[in-house]
C-alpha atoms as a PDB file:
ATOM      1  CA  MET A   1     -23.093   4.435  14.722  1.00  0.00           C
ATOM      2  CA  THR A   2     -21.983   8.071  14.447  1.00  0.00           C
ATOM      3  CA  GLY A   3     -19.343   9.837  12.038  1.00  0.00           C
ATOM      4  CA  SER A   4     -18.936  10.225   8.253  1.00  0.00           C
ATOM      5  CA  ALA A   5     -18.921   6.617   7.491  1.00  0.00           C
ATOM      6  CA  ARG A   6     -21.992   5.437   5.274  1.00  0.00           C
ATOM      7  CA  SER A   7     -22.788   2.076   3.824  1.00  0.00           C
ATOM      8  CA  THR A   8     -23.792   1.306   0.324  1.00  0.00           C
ATOM      9  CA  LYS A   9     -26.975  -0.437   0.096  1.00  0.00           C
ATOM     10  CA  ARG A  10     -26.576  -4.210  -1.041  1.00  0.00           C
ATOM     11  CA  THR A  11     -28.459  -7.425  -1.313  1.00  0.00           C
ATOM     12  CA  ILE A  12     -26.717 -10.339   0.052  1.00  0.00           C
ATOM     13  CA  ALA A  13     -28.057 -14.047   0.163  1.00  0.00           C
ATOM     14  CA  MET A  14     -27.831 -15.292   3.723  1.00  0.00           C
ATOM     15  CA  THR A  15     -28.931 -18.674   4.837  1.00  0.00           C
ATOM     16  CA  SER A  16     -31.838 -19.237   7.259  1.00  0.00           C
ATOM     17  CA  HIS A  17     -30.585 -22.383   9.381  1.00  0.00           C
ATOM     18  CA  GLY A  18     -28.200 -22.931  12.150  1.00  0.00           C
ATOM     19  CA  LEU A  19     -24.408 -23.570  10.670  1.00  0.00           C
ATOM     20  CA  PRO A  20     -22.351 -26.381  12.459  1.00  0.00           C
ATOM     21  CA  ILE A  21     -19.577 -24.047  13.520  1.00  0.00           C
ATOM     22  CA  THR A  22     -18.539 -24.004  17.019  1.00  0.00           C
ATOM     23  CA  LEU A  23     -16.928 -20.742  18.378  1.00  0.00           C
ATOM     24  CA  ARG A  24     -15.720 -21.388  22.168  1.00  0.00           C
ATOM     25  CA  SER A  25     -12.719 -18.500  21.909  1.00  0.00           C
ATOM     26  CA  ALA A  26     -11.264 -16.296  19.488  1.00  0.00           C
ATOM     27  CA  ASP A  27      -8.645 -18.918  18.460  1.00  0.00           C
ATOM     28  CA  ASP A  28     -11.870 -20.928  16.592  1.00  0.00           C
ATOM     29  CA  VAL A  29     -11.944 -17.773  14.309  1.00  0.00           C
ATOM     30  CA  THR A  30      -9.713 -19.535  11.448  1.00  0.00           C
ATOM     31  CA  PRO A  31      -9.092 -18.570   7.912  1.00  0.00           C
ATOM     32  CA  GLU A  32     -11.204 -21.676   6.966  1.00  0.00           C
ATOM     33  CA  VAL A  33     -14.288 -20.397   9.104  1.00  0.00           C
ATOM     34  CA  LEU A  34     -14.210 -16.841   7.581  1.00  0.00           C
ATOM     35  CA  THR A  35     -13.940 -18.295   4.083  1.00  0.00           C
ATOM     36  CA  SER A  36     -16.903 -20.289   4.624  1.00  0.00           C
ATOM     37  CA  LEU A  37     -18.914 -17.331   6.229  1.00  0.00           C
ATOM     38  CA  LEU A  38     -17.563 -14.869   3.314  1.00  0.00           C
ATOM     39  CA  ARG A  39     -18.455 -17.174   0.523  1.00  0.00           C
ATOM     40  CA  ARG A  40     -22.183 -16.490   1.451  1.00  0.00           C
ATOM     41  CA  SER A  41     -21.726 -13.338   0.001  1.00  0.00           C
ATOM     42  CA  ASP A  42     -18.434 -13.726  -2.385  1.00  0.00           C
ATOM     43  CA  PRO A  43     -18.492 -17.047  -3.636  1.00  0.00           C
ATOM     44  CA  ASP A  44     -14.786 -16.673  -4.718  1.00  0.00           C
ATOM     45  CA  ALA A  45     -13.416 -15.816  -1.160  1.00  0.00           C
ATOM     46  CA  VAL A  46     -10.524 -17.344   0.107  1.00  0.00           C
ATOM     47  CA  VAL A  47      -9.034 -16.293   3.486  1.00  0.00           C
ATOM     48  CA  THR A  48      -5.466 -17.027   3.908  1.00  0.00           C
ATOM     49  CA  ASP A  49      -4.826 -15.538   7.467  1.00  0.00           C
ATOM     50  CA  VAL A  50      -6.461 -13.827  10.210  1.00  0.00           C
ATOM     51  CA  ALA A  51      -5.250 -11.948  13.315  1.00  0.00           C
ATOM     52  CA  VAL A  52      -7.480 -10.821  16.318  1.00  0.00           C
ATOM     53  CA  ARG A  53      -6.613  -7.076  16.716  1.00  0.00           C
ATOM     54  CA  ARG A  54      -8.870  -6.489  19.990  1.00  0.00           C
ATOM     55  CA  THR A  55     -11.738  -8.156  21.699  1.00  0.00           C
ATOM     56  CA  TRP A  56     -14.537  -6.490  23.748  1.00  0.00           C
ATOM     57  CA  GLN A  57     -17.300  -8.251  25.775  1.00  0.00           C
ATOM     58  CA  GLY A  58     -20.733  -6.672  26.728  1.00  0.00           C
ATOM     59  CA  THR A  59     -23.655  -8.941  26.345  1.00  0.00           C
ATOM     60  CA  THR A  60     -22.153 -10.197  23.316  1.00  0.00           C
ATOM     61  CA  SER A  61     -18.291 -10.963  22.226  1.00  0.00           C
ATOM     62  CA  HIS A  62     -17.005  -8.326  19.628  1.00  0.00           C
ATOM     63  CA  LEU A  63     -13.766  -9.238  17.821  1.00  0.00           C
ATOM     64  CA  HIS A  64     -12.088  -7.109  15.353  1.00  0.00           C
ATOM     65  CA  LEU A  65     -10.162  -8.983  12.860  1.00  0.00           C
ATOM     66  CA  ASP A  66      -7.271  -8.405  10.335  1.00  0.00           C
ATOM     67  CA  VAL A  67      -7.526 -10.360   7.408  1.00  0.00           C
ATOM     68  CA  ASP A  68      -5.411 -11.690   4.317  1.00  0.00           C
ATOM     69  CA  TYR A  69      -7.019 -13.000   1.122  1.00  0.00           C
ATOM     70  CA  ALA A  70      -5.581 -15.321  -1.516  1.00  0.00           C
ATOM     71  CA  ASP A  71      -6.572 -12.743  -4.116  1.00  0.00           C
ATOM     72  CA  PRO A  72      -5.052  -9.448  -3.249  1.00  0.00           C
ATOM     73  CA  ALA A  73      -7.309  -7.470  -5.590  1.00  0.00           C
ATOM     74  CA  THR A  74     -10.475  -8.636  -3.771  1.00  0.00           C
ATOM     75  CA  ARG A  75     -12.868  -5.995  -2.807  1.00  0.00           C
ATOM     76  CA  LEU A  76     -13.614  -7.619   0.428  1.00  0.00           C
ATOM     77  CA  PRO A  77     -12.279  -5.420   3.425  1.00  0.00           C
ATOM     78  CA  ARG A  78      -9.149  -6.509   5.342  1.00  0.00           C
ATOM     79  CA  ASN A  79     -10.519  -5.247   8.638  1.00  0.00           C
ATOM     80  CA  LEU A  80     -13.582  -7.160   9.788  1.00  0.00           C
ATOM     81  CA  PHE A  81     -15.923  -6.934  12.692  1.00  0.00           C
ATOM     82  CA  LEU A  82     -17.456 -10.109  14.156  1.00  0.00           C
ATOM     83  CA  LYS A  83     -20.318 -10.558  16.503  1.00  0.00           C
ATOM     84  CA  THR A  84     -20.803 -13.746  18.256  1.00  0.00           C
ATOM     85  CA  GLN A  85     -21.002 -15.143  21.675  1.00  0.00           C
ATOM     86  CA  MET A  86     -18.160 -16.468  23.541  1.00  0.00           C
ATOM     87  CA  SER A  87     -17.299 -17.269  26.893  1.00  0.00           C
ATOM     88  CA  THR A  88     -13.724 -16.705  26.784  1.00  0.00           C
ATOM     89  CA  VAL A  89     -13.363 -13.277  25.780  1.00  0.00           C
ATOM     90  CA  HIS A  90     -14.125 -11.759  29.139  1.00  0.00           C
ATOM     91  CA  ASP A  91     -15.764 -13.298  32.311  1.00  0.00           C
ATOM     92  CA  LEU A  92     -19.134 -12.141  33.106  1.00  0.00           C
ATOM     93  CA  PRO A  93     -21.160 -12.052  35.946  1.00  0.00           C
ATOM     94  CA  ASP A  94     -22.872 -15.245  36.794  1.00  0.00           C
ATOM     95  CA  ALA A  95     -26.241 -14.304  36.282  1.00  0.00           C
ATOM     96  CA  VAL A  96     -25.611 -12.869  32.885  1.00  0.00           C
ATOM     97  CA  GLU A  97     -23.685 -15.849  31.597  1.00  0.00           C
ATOM     98  CA  LEU A  98     -26.532 -18.185  32.617  1.00  0.00           C
ATOM     99  CA  GLU A  99     -29.080 -15.898  30.847  1.00  0.00           C
ATOM    100  CA  LEU A 100     -27.144 -15.530  27.735  1.00  0.00           C
ATOM    101  CA  SER A 101     -25.728 -19.094  27.301  1.00  0.00           C
ATOM    102  CA  GLU A 102     -27.679 -21.569  24.849  1.00  0.00           C
ATOM    103  CA  GLY A 103     -31.146 -21.977  26.004  1.00  0.00           C
ATOM    104  CA  GLY A 104     -31.021 -18.951  28.480  1.00  0.00           C
ATOM    105  CA  GLY A 105     -33.952 -16.291  28.405  1.00  0.00           C
ATOM    106  CA  GLY A 106     -31.520 -13.567  27.245  1.00  0.00           C
ATOM    107  CA  THR A 107     -31.064 -15.183  23.830  1.00  0.00           C
ATOM    108  CA  VAL A 108     -33.948 -13.266  22.482  1.00  0.00           C
ATOM    109  CA  LEU A 109     -31.419 -10.311  22.731  1.00  0.00           C
ATOM    110  CA  LEU A 110     -29.548 -11.957  20.021  1.00  0.00           C
ATOM    111  CA  ASP A 111     -32.443 -13.205  17.815  1.00  0.00           C
ATOM    112  CA  ASP A 112     -33.875  -9.840  16.745  1.00  0.00           C
ATOM    113  CA  GLU A 113     -30.176  -8.352  15.512  1.00  0.00           C
ATOM    114  CA  THR A 114     -29.471 -11.600  13.674  1.00  0.00           C
ATOM    115  CA  ARG A 115     -32.644 -11.522  11.686  1.00  0.00           C
ATOM    116  CA  PHE A 116     -32.536  -7.502  11.127  1.00  0.00           C
ATOM    117  CA  TYR A 117     -28.945  -8.083   9.176  1.00  0.00           C
ATOM    118  CA  ARG A 118     -30.311 -11.535   7.612  1.00  0.00           C
ATOM    119  CA  ASP A 119     -33.610 -10.575   6.782  1.00  0.00           C
ATOM    120  CA  LEU A 120     -34.566  -6.718   6.878  1.00  0.00           C
ATOM    121  CA  ARG A 121     -31.371  -4.481   6.215  1.00  0.00           C
ATOM    122  CA  ALA A 122     -31.408  -4.956   2.414  1.00  0.00           C
ATOM    123  CA  ASP A 123     -34.707  -3.369   2.141  1.00  0.00           C
ATOM    124  CA  LEU A 124     -34.217  -0.366   4.182  1.00  0.00           C
ATOM    125  CA  ASP A 125     -32.404   2.849   3.167  1.00  0.00           C
ATOM    126  CA  VAL A 126     -30.352   3.302   6.376  1.00  0.00           C
ATOM    127  CA  GLU A 127     -26.804   3.620   7.530  1.00  0.00           C
ATOM    128  CA  THR A 128     -25.286   0.334   8.913  1.00  0.00           C
ATOM    129  CA  MET A 129     -22.238  -1.464   8.556  1.00  0.00           C
ATOM    130  CA  THR A 130     -21.738  -3.355   5.508  1.00  0.00           C
ATOM    131  CA  THR A 131     -22.450  -7.043   6.303  1.00  0.00           C
ATOM    132  CA  PHE A 132     -21.458 -10.163   4.738  1.00  0.00           C
ATOM    133  CA  PHE A 133     -22.942 -12.867   6.832  1.00  0.00           C
ATOM    134  CA  ALA A 134     -25.533 -13.110   9.346  1.00  0.00           C
ATOM    135  CA  ASP A 135     -27.167 -16.188  10.891  1.00  0.00           C
ATOM    136  CA  HIS A 136     -27.805 -18.363  14.008  1.00  0.00           C
ATOM    137  CA  LEU A 137     -25.437 -20.988  14.706  1.00  0.00           C
ATOM    138  CA  ASP A 138     -25.789 -24.599  16.173  1.00  0.00           C
ATOM    139  CA  GLY A 139     -24.387 -24.990  19.740  1.00  0.00           C
ATOM    140  CA  PRO A 140     -23.370 -22.123  22.542  1.00  0.00           C
ATOM    141  CA  SER A 141     -22.423 -19.465  19.982  1.00  0.00           C
ATOM    142  CA  GLN A 142     -25.775 -18.949  18.900  1.00  0.00           C
ATOM    143  CA  PHE A 143     -25.103 -16.480  16.217  1.00  0.00           C
ATOM    144  CA  ILE A 144     -22.559 -14.673  14.015  1.00  0.00           C
ATOM    145  CA  ILE A 145     -22.888 -11.222  12.409  1.00  0.00           C
ATOM    146  CA  LEU A 146     -19.786 -10.334  10.171  1.00  0.00           C
ATOM    147  CA  GLY A 147     -19.192  -7.211   8.653  1.00  0.00           C
ATOM    148  CA  GLU A 148     -16.760  -4.322   8.162  1.00  0.00           C
ATOM    149  CA  ASP A 149     -15.103  -2.736  10.840  1.00  0.00           C
ATOM    150  CA  ILE A 150     -16.744   0.581  10.660  1.00  0.00           C
ATOM    151  CA  THR A 151     -14.276   2.273  13.302  1.00  0.00           C
ATOM    152  CA  LEU A 152     -11.467   2.321  10.718  1.00  0.00           C
ATOM    153  CA  ARG A 153     -13.538   4.419   8.444  1.00  0.00           C
ATOM    154  CA  GLY A 154     -14.588   7.134  10.828  1.00  0.00           C
ATOM    155  CA  ALA A 155     -17.506   5.671  12.647  1.00  0.00           C
ATOM    156  CA  GLN A 156     -17.809   5.970  16.335  1.00  0.00           C
ATOM    157  CA  VAL A 157     -19.469   3.586  18.621  1.00  0.00           C
ATOM    158  CA  PRO A 158     -20.363   5.763  21.667  1.00  0.00           C
ATOM    159  CA  ASP A 159     -19.413   5.159  25.382  1.00  0.00           C
ATOM    160  CA  ALA A 160     -22.512   4.741  27.264  1.00  0.00           C
ATOM    161  CA  ILE A 161     -21.325   6.701  29.985  1.00  0.00           C
ATOM    162  CA  ALA A 162     -19.729   9.485  27.880  1.00  0.00           C
ATOM    163  CA  GLY A 163     -23.287   9.998  25.907  1.00  0.00           C
ATOM    164  CA  LEU A 164     -23.672  11.897  22.760  1.00  0.00           C
ATOM    165  CA  SER A 165     -23.928  15.208  21.192  1.00  0.00           C
ATOM    166  CA  VAL A 166     -27.177  16.742  20.358  1.00  0.00           C
ATOM    167  CA  GLU A 167     -26.389  16.489  16.545  1.00  0.00           C
ATOM    168  CA  GLN A 168     -25.667  12.763  17.093  1.00  0.00           C
ATOM    169  CA  VAL A 169     -28.884  12.234  18.637  1.00  0.00           C
ATOM    170  CA  ASP A 170     -30.476  14.151  15.862  1.00  0.00           C
ATOM    171  CA  GLN A 171     -28.747  11.642  13.429  1.00  0.00           C
ATOM    172  CA  LEU A 172     -29.736   8.519  15.494  1.00  0.00           C
ATOM    173  CA  LEU A 173     -33.457   9.663  15.785  1.00  0.00           C
ATOM    174  CA  LEU A 174     -33.541  10.182  11.990  1.00  0.00           C
ATOM    175  CA  THR A 175     -32.233   6.829  11.279  1.00  0.00           C
ATOM    176  CA  LEU A 176     -34.412   4.958  13.603  1.00  0.00           C
ATOM    177  CA  SER A 177     -37.530   6.703  11.876  1.00  0.00           C
ATOM    178  CA  LYS A 178     -35.972   5.252   8.620  1.00  0.00           C
ATOM    179  CA  VAL A 179     -36.290   1.904  10.128  1.00  0.00           C
ATOM    180  CA  HIS A 180     -39.356   1.906  11.859  1.00  0.00           C
ATOM    181  CA  ALA A 181     -41.402   4.078   9.764  1.00  0.00           C
ATOM    182  CA  PRO A 182     -42.011   1.435   6.783  1.00  0.00           C
ATOM    183  CA  PHE A 183     -43.387  -0.877   9.132  1.00  0.00           C
ATOM    184  CA  TRP A 184     -45.691   1.290  11.054  1.00  0.00           C
ATOM    185  CA  GLY A 185     -49.017  -0.538  11.542  1.00  0.00           C
ATOM    186  CA  ASN A 186     -47.896  -3.271   9.094  1.00  0.00           C
ATOM    187  CA  PRO A 187     -50.040  -6.381   9.180  1.00  0.00           C
ATOM    188  CA  PRO A 188     -46.931  -8.703   8.905  1.00  0.00           C
ATOM    189  CA  LEU A 189     -46.192  -7.510  12.448  1.00  0.00           C
ATOM    190  CA  GLY A 190     -49.388  -9.086  13.953  1.00  0.00           C
ATOM    191  CA  GLU A 191     -49.562 -12.464  15.277  1.00  0.00           C
ATOM    192  CA  GLY A 192     -48.638 -15.162  12.550  1.00  0.00           C
ATOM    193  CA  GLY A 193     -47.399 -12.568  10.185  1.00  0.00           C
ATOM    194  CA  ASP A 194     -43.915 -12.644   8.662  1.00  0.00           C
ATOM    195  CA  LEU A 195     -42.332 -10.246  11.430  1.00  0.00           C
ATOM    196  CA  SER A 196     -43.929 -11.425  14.154  1.00  0.00           C
ATOM    197  CA  TRP A 197     -40.438 -12.487  15.424  1.00  0.00           C
ATOM    198  CA  LEU A 198     -39.950  -9.025  16.228  1.00  0.00           C
ATOM    199  CA  GLN A 199     -39.757  -8.636  19.979  1.00  0.00           C
ATOM    200  CA  HIS A 200     -42.522  -6.537  21.528  1.00  0.00           C
ATOM    201  CA  PRO A 201     -41.476  -4.331  24.602  1.00  0.00           C
ATOM    202  CA  LEU A 202     -44.632  -5.375  26.502  1.00  0.00           C
ATOM    203  CA  THR A 203     -45.567  -8.837  25.538  1.00  0.00           C
ATOM    204  CA  GLY A 204     -43.692 -11.862  24.399  1.00  0.00           C
ATOM    205  CA  ALA A 205     -40.125 -13.668  25.072  1.00  0.00           C
ATOM    206  CA  PHE A 206     -38.377 -10.239  25.417  1.00  0.00           C
ATOM    207  CA  ALA A 207     -40.514  -8.626  27.850  1.00  0.00           C
ATOM    208  CA  GLU A 208     -40.850 -11.889  29.738  1.00  0.00           C
ATOM    209  CA  PHE A 209     -37.145 -11.819  30.019  1.00  0.00           C
ATOM    210  CA  LEU A 210     -36.866  -8.392  31.193  1.00  0.00           C
ATOM    211  CA  ARG A 211     -39.338  -8.968  34.131  1.00  0.00           C
ATOM    212  CA  THR A 212     -37.683 -12.274  35.492  1.00  0.00           C
ATOM    213  CA  SER A 213     -33.900 -11.529  34.759  1.00  0.00           C
ATOM    214  CA  GLY A 214     -33.252  -8.555  32.596  1.00  0.00           C
ATOM    215  CA  PHE A 215     -33.001  -6.027  35.141  1.00  0.00           C
ATOM    216  CA  ALA A 216     -31.092  -8.347  37.559  1.00  0.00           C
ATOM    217  CA  ILE A 217     -28.529  -8.685  34.773  1.00  0.00           C
ATOM    218  CA  ILE A 218     -28.394  -4.884  34.300  1.00  0.00           C
ATOM    219  CA  ARG A 219     -27.663  -4.367  38.013  1.00  0.00           C
ATOM    220  CA  ALA A 220     -25.113  -7.073  37.856  1.00  0.00           C
ATOM    221  CA  PHE A 221     -23.138  -5.264  35.020  1.00  0.00           C
ATOM    222  CA  LEU A 222     -23.463  -2.121  36.779  1.00  0.00           C
ATOM    223  CA  GLU A 223     -21.940  -3.287  40.081  1.00  0.00           C
ATOM    224  CA  HIS A 224     -19.597  -5.780  38.679  1.00  0.00           C
ATOM    225  CA  PRO A 225     -18.557  -4.689  35.185  1.00  0.00           C
ATOM    226  CA  PRO A 226     -16.177  -7.006  33.388  1.00  0.00           C
ATOM    227  CA  GLU A 227     -12.823  -5.775  32.740  1.00  0.00           C
ATOM    228  CA  GLY A 228     -12.663  -3.224  29.935  1.00  0.00           C
ATOM    229  CA  PHE A 229     -16.370  -2.777  29.930  1.00  0.00           C
ATOM    230  CA  SER A 230     -15.993   0.692  30.168  1.00  0.00           C
ATOM    231  CA  GLU A 231     -13.495   3.208  30.508  1.00  0.00           C
ATOM    232  CA  HIS A 232     -15.528   5.382  33.040  1.00  0.00           C
ATOM    233  CA  PRO A 233     -17.007   4.170  36.466  1.00  0.00           C
ATOM    234  CA  LEU A 234     -20.540   3.064  36.000  1.00  0.00           C
ATOM    235  CA  LEU A 235     -21.884   3.838  39.494  1.00  0.00           C
ATOM    236  CA  THR A 236     -20.713   7.015  41.493  1.00  0.00           C
ATOM    237  CA  PRO A 237     -22.134   8.226  44.553  1.00  0.00           C
ATOM    238  CA  HIS A 238     -24.120  11.432  44.282  1.00  0.00           C
ATOM    239  CA  GLY A 239     -26.155  13.631  46.920  1.00  0.00           C
ATOM    240  CA  ALA A 240     -29.937  13.880  46.859  1.00  0.00           C
ATOM    241  CA  MET A 241     -32.317  16.489  48.131  1.00  0.00           C
ATOM    242  CA  MET A 242     -35.838  15.611  48.821  1.00  0.00           C
ATOM    243  CA  VAL A 243     -38.586  18.184  49.329  1.00  0.00           C
ATOM    244  CA  ALA A 244     -42.114  17.487  50.694  1.00  0.00           C
ATOM    245  CA  GLY A 245     -44.893  19.781  51.966  1.00  0.00           C
ATOM    246  CA  LYS A 246     -45.976  19.707  55.610  1.00  0.00           C
ATOM    247  CA  GLU A 247     -49.067  17.121  54.348  1.00  0.00           C
ATOM    248  CA  HIS A 248     -46.405  14.724  53.082  1.00  0.00           C
ATOM    249  CA  LEU A 249     -44.025  14.770  56.111  1.00  0.00           C
ATOM    250  CA  PRO A 250     -44.821  11.265  56.944  1.00  0.00           C
ATOM    251  CA  GLU A 251     -44.154   9.921  53.642  1.00  0.00           C
ATOM    252  CA  LEU A 252     -40.792  11.636  53.423  1.00  0.00           C
ATOM    253  CA  GLU A 253     -39.739  10.309  56.862  1.00  0.00           C
ATOM    254  CA  ALA A 254     -40.600   6.816  55.619  1.00  0.00           C
ATOM    255  CA  HIS A 255     -38.666   7.165  52.672  1.00  0.00           C
ATOM    256  CA  TRP A 256     -35.766   8.637  54.333  1.00  0.00           C
ATOM    257  CA  ASN A 257     -35.967   5.376  57.037  1.00  0.00           C
ATOM    258  CA  VAL A 258     -35.691   2.988  53.954  1.00  0.00           C
ATOM    259  CA  LEU A 259     -32.715   4.892  52.366  1.00  0.00           C
ATOM    260  CA  ARG A 260     -31.164   5.122  55.625  1.00  0.00           C
ATOM    261  CA  ALA A 261     -31.439   1.407  56.133  1.00  0.00           C
ATOM    262  CA  MET A 262     -29.551   0.788  52.968  1.00  0.00           C
ATOM    263  CA  ASP A 263     -26.354   2.566  54.251  1.00  0.00           C
END
């Protein structure tokens, strides 16, 4: 997240068990569902109407919501952001759909973010959206993260193709250092510790997912991105020049033969 938006640090009590809510499409996000979610942070919340302003699908489903409340003076925002897993927001490549559906190897991607907002966010002095609910769900949706819509107060969600400015990268690295520094070498990160659920890049469920399916999913997104995934082409042809000394000409010729066979 970049821009001038900043969140206030607040402690929100969130449950740690799956909820019996099934979200198969944006139509399932009703005033009753939102009321039950928001009451985990505000017991008096009553949502009377909700409209889906727009949706977006990557490895998860993003919904931007306009909300009305019974109490016109409520401090809850009227524009909310909901992140979950829905197969009906946009069609995904088959390989991606399989891995990210209930029981798939890619569901480890959903677990860390959910637990971050549920269990760790309140103890960190970092910039994030204000979050009202984060937990796992029973059934195909698997998780919900519900928070403010930060795009409406100046924050930007960068385009992966357009990139970031040097100043934005500097802010991002500062935020990441604040997230990671308090836990560096912390015993709870070890096996059996309170934070052992955090995924390791080389071992554990996330690393296994990357080795078996992750890179194939990335390729599927690049070659066949869902409609609206990016405003720019993800793959464009580029020329290349390969240089080798005389002693490496056989290796250069062998590599060129491999590339030529790919045409």
